[in-house]
Amino acid sequence: MVEKSIADGKVELNNNKKEMQVLRSECATLEAKNKETTNEILKEILEDIANLDKDFKKLVEMDNNEVKFLQQQLFQLTQEKTKLQQSVVMLDTRVANVENDVGFE
C-alpha cells in the first residue's frame, strides 16, 4: 500500500513535471510574441513621431515663408503710402501756388 502510494506519487510528480515543462514552453512562446508585438508597436509609434516631426517642420517652413511674404508686402505698401503722402504734400503745394497766382483765397 505504501509502495503503491509512492508509485502513484512518482507518477503524479512526473505528470506535474511534464505539465510544468509545457507551461514553461507556453510562457516562453507568449513572452516572445509579447516582445515581438511590443517591438512592432514601438516601431509604428516611432515612425508616427518621425512623420509628425517632418510634417511639423514643413508647416513651420510654410509659415516662415508666408511671414516673409507678408513682411515684403507690408514694406511695399509702406513705401507706396510714403510716396502717396509725398505726392499729396507736393500737390497741396502746387494747388496753393496756383491759387496764389490766380488770386484765389
C-alpha atoms as a PDB file:
ATOM      1  CA  MET A   1       0.000   0.000   0.000  1.00  0.00           C
ATOM      2  CA  VAL A   2       2.809   2.380   0.864  1.00  0.00           C
ATOM      3  CA  GLU A   3       4.623   1.241  -2.235  1.00  0.00           C
ATOM      4  CA  LYS A   4       1.526   1.922  -4.341  1.00  0.00           C
ATOM      5  CA  SER A   5       1.243   5.391  -2.804  1.00  0.00           C
ATOM      6  CA  ILE A   6       4.914   6.008  -3.562  1.00  0.00           C
ATOM      7  CA  ALA A   7       4.445   4.767  -7.127  1.00  0.00           C
ATOM      8  CA  ASP A   8       1.332   6.942  -7.534  1.00  0.00           C
ATOM      9  CA  GLY A   9       3.256   9.895  -6.086  1.00  0.00           C
ATOM     10  CA  LYS A  10       6.085   9.314  -8.586  1.00  0.00           C
ATOM     11  CA  VAL A  11       3.607   9.162 -11.475  1.00  0.00           C
ATOM     12  CA  GLU A  12       1.910  12.346 -10.212  1.00  0.00           C
ATOM     13  CA  LEU A  13       5.328  14.010  -9.849  1.00  0.00           C
ATOM     14  CA  ASN A  14       6.294  13.048 -13.416  1.00  0.00           C
ATOM     15  CA  ASN A  15       2.956  14.323 -14.728  1.00  0.00           C
ATOM     16  CA  ASN A  16       3.461  17.596 -12.854  1.00  0.00           C
ATOM     17  CA  LYS A  17       6.992  17.907 -14.285  1.00  0.00           C
ATOM     18  CA  LYS A  18       5.661  17.381 -17.821  1.00  0.00           C
ATOM     19  CA  GLU A  19       2.898  19.933 -17.256  1.00  0.00           C
ATOM     20  CA  MET A  20       5.435  22.356 -15.841  1.00  0.00           C
ATOM     21  CA  GLN A  21       7.591  21.947 -18.988  1.00  0.00           C
ATOM     22  CA  VAL A  22       4.556  22.588 -21.186  1.00  0.00           C
ATOM     23  CA  LEU A  23       3.625  25.665 -19.162  1.00  0.00           C
ATOM     24  CA  ARG A  24       7.212  26.978 -19.322  1.00  0.00           C
ATOM     25  CA  SER A  25       7.195  26.461 -23.083  1.00  0.00           C
ATOM     26  CA  GLU A  26       3.856  28.267 -23.430  1.00  0.00           C
ATOM     27  CA  CYS A  27       5.126  31.050 -21.211  1.00  0.00           C
ATOM     28  CA  ALA A  28       8.264  31.452 -23.326  1.00  0.00           C
ATOM     29  CA  THR A  29       6.153  31.473 -26.514  1.00  0.00           C
ATOM     30  CA  LEU A  30       3.797  34.108 -25.098  1.00  0.00           C
ATOM     31  CA  GLU A  31       6.743  36.165 -23.898  1.00  0.00           C
ATOM     32  CA  ALA A  32       8.332  36.065 -27.355  1.00  0.00           C
ATOM     33  CA  LYS A  33       5.032  37.053 -29.023  1.00  0.00           C
ATOM     34  CA  ASN A  34       4.553  39.827 -26.487  1.00  0.00           C
ATOM     35  CA  LYS A  35       8.051  41.146 -27.134  1.00  0.00           C
ATOM     36  CA  GLU A  36       7.504  40.992 -30.907  1.00  0.00           C
ATOM     37  CA  THR A  37       4.199  42.845 -30.616  1.00  0.00           C
ATOM     38  CA  THR A  38       5.755  45.446 -28.338  1.00  0.00           C
ATOM     39  CA  ASN A  39       8.602  45.979 -30.806  1.00  0.00           C
ATOM     40  CA  GLU A  40       6.139  46.360 -33.702  1.00  0.00           C
ATOM     41  CA  ILE A  41       4.072  48.891 -31.767  1.00  0.00           C
ATOM     42  CA  LEU A  42       7.193  50.786 -30.758  1.00  0.00           C
ATOM     43  CA  LYS A  43       8.363  50.844 -34.381  1.00  0.00           C
ATOM     44  CA  GLU A  44       4.987  52.202 -35.524  1.00  0.00           C
ATOM     45  CA  ILE A  45       4.982  54.841 -32.807  1.00  0.00           C
ATOM     46  CA  LEU A  46       8.485  55.961 -33.729  1.00  0.00           C
ATOM     47  CA  GLU A  47       7.503  56.142 -37.410  1.00  0.00           C
ATOM     48  CA  ASP A  48       4.428  58.197 -36.491  1.00  0.00           C
ATOM     49  CA  ILE A  49       6.558  60.546 -34.409  1.00  0.00           C
ATOM     50  CA  ALA A  50       9.042  60.936 -37.264  1.00  0.00           C
ATOM     51  CA  ASN A  51       6.199  61.684 -39.698  1.00  0.00           C
ATOM     52  CA  LEU A  52       4.654  64.198 -37.312  1.00  0.00           C
ATOM     53  CA  ASP A  53       8.022  65.886 -36.868  1.00  0.00           C
ATOM     54  CA  LYS A  54       8.502  66.027 -40.643  1.00  0.00           C
ATOM     55  CA  ASP A  55       5.006  67.472 -41.148  1.00  0.00           C
ATOM     56  CA  PHE A  56       5.557  69.986 -38.355  1.00  0.00           C
ATOM     57  CA  LYS A  57       8.816  71.157 -39.908  1.00  0.00           C
ATOM     58  CA  LYS A  58       7.070  71.578 -43.269  1.00  0.00           C
ATOM     59  CA  LEU A  59       4.333  73.647 -41.631  1.00  0.00           C
ATOM     60  CA  VAL A  60       6.886  75.808 -39.825  1.00  0.00           C
ATOM     61  CA  GLU A  61       8.732  76.389 -43.099  1.00  0.00           C
ATOM     62  CA  MET A  62       5.483  77.288 -44.867  1.00  0.00           C
ATOM     63  CA  ASP A  63       4.564  79.672 -42.054  1.00  0.00           C
ATOM     64  CA  ASN A  64       8.007  81.281 -42.189  1.00  0.00           C
ATOM     65  CA  ASN A  65       7.697  81.737 -45.952  1.00  0.00           C
ATOM     66  CA  GLU A  66       4.259  83.286 -45.533  1.00  0.00           C
ATOM     67  CA  VAL A  67       5.567  85.651 -42.848  1.00  0.00           C
ATOM     68  CA  LYS A  68       8.427  86.716 -45.144  1.00  0.00           C
ATOM     69  CA  PHE A  69       5.971  87.298 -47.995  1.00  0.00           C
ATOM     70  CA  LEU A  70       3.684  89.365 -45.772  1.00  0.00           C
ATOM     71  CA  GLN A  71       6.637  91.380 -44.477  1.00  0.00           C
ATOM     72  CA  GLN A  72       7.636  92.150 -48.071  1.00  0.00           C
ATOM     73  CA  GLN A  73       4.064  93.178 -48.860  1.00  0.00           C
ATOM     74  CA  LEU A  74       3.973  95.405 -45.786  1.00  0.00           C
ATOM     75  CA  PHE A  75       7.263  97.024 -46.763  1.00  0.00           C
ATOM     76  CA  GLN A  76       5.998  97.695 -50.303  1.00  0.00           C
ATOM     77  CA  LEU A  77       2.717  99.120 -49.025  1.00  0.00           C
ATOM     78  CA  THR A  78       4.598 101.343 -46.587  1.00  0.00           C
ATOM     79  CA  GLN A  79       6.751 102.647 -49.447  1.00  0.00           C
ATOM     80  CA  GLU A  80       3.662 103.292 -51.579  1.00  0.00           C
ATOM     81  CA  LYS A  81       1.990 105.102 -48.683  1.00  0.00           C
ATOM     82  CA  THR A  82       5.077 107.288 -48.218  1.00  0.00           C
ATOM     83  CA  LYS A  83       5.127 108.107 -51.945  1.00  0.00           C
ATOM     84  CA  LEU A  84       1.423 108.948 -51.869  1.00  0.00           C
ATOM     85  CA  GLN A  85       1.905 111.192 -48.845  1.00  0.00           C
ATOM     86  CA  GLN A  86       4.780 112.963 -50.628  1.00  0.00           C
ATOM     87  CA  SER A  87       2.581 113.379 -53.711  1.00  0.00           C
ATOM     88  CA  VAL A  88      -0.231 114.838 -51.583  1.00  0.00           C
ATOM     89  CA  VAL A  89       2.166 117.349 -49.996  1.00  0.00           C
ATOM     90  CA  MET A  90       3.559 118.252 -53.422  1.00  0.00           C
ATOM     91  CA  LEU A  91       0.054 118.632 -54.904  1.00  0.00           C
ATOM     92  CA  ASP A  92      -1.091 120.720 -51.939  1.00  0.00           C
ATOM     93  CA  THR A  93       1.899 122.984 -52.524  1.00  0.00           C
ATOM     94  CA  ARG A  94       1.101 123.262 -56.249  1.00  0.00           C
ATOM     95  CA  VAL A  95      -2.576 123.968 -55.539  1.00  0.00           C
ATOM     96  CA  ALA A  96      -1.580 126.670 -53.053  1.00  0.00           C
ATOM     97  CA  ASN A  97       0.840 128.203 -55.608  1.00  0.00           C
ATOM     98  CA  VAL A  98      -1.780 128.113 -58.373  1.00  0.00           C
ATOM     99  CA  GLU A  99      -4.382 129.632 -56.081  1.00  0.00           C
ATOM    100  CA  ASN A 100      -1.877 132.300 -55.107  1.00  0.00           C
ATOM    101  CA  ASP A 101      -1.037 133.001 -58.771  1.00  0.00           C
ATOM    102  CA  VAL A 102      -4.712 133.183 -59.702  1.00  0.00           C
ATOM    103  CA  GLY A 103      -5.535 135.233 -56.673  1.00  0.00           C
ATOM    104  CA  PHE A 104      -7.902 132.729 -55.132  1.00  0.00           C
ATOM    105  CA  GLU A 105      -8.152 132.862 -51.371  1.00  0.00           C
END
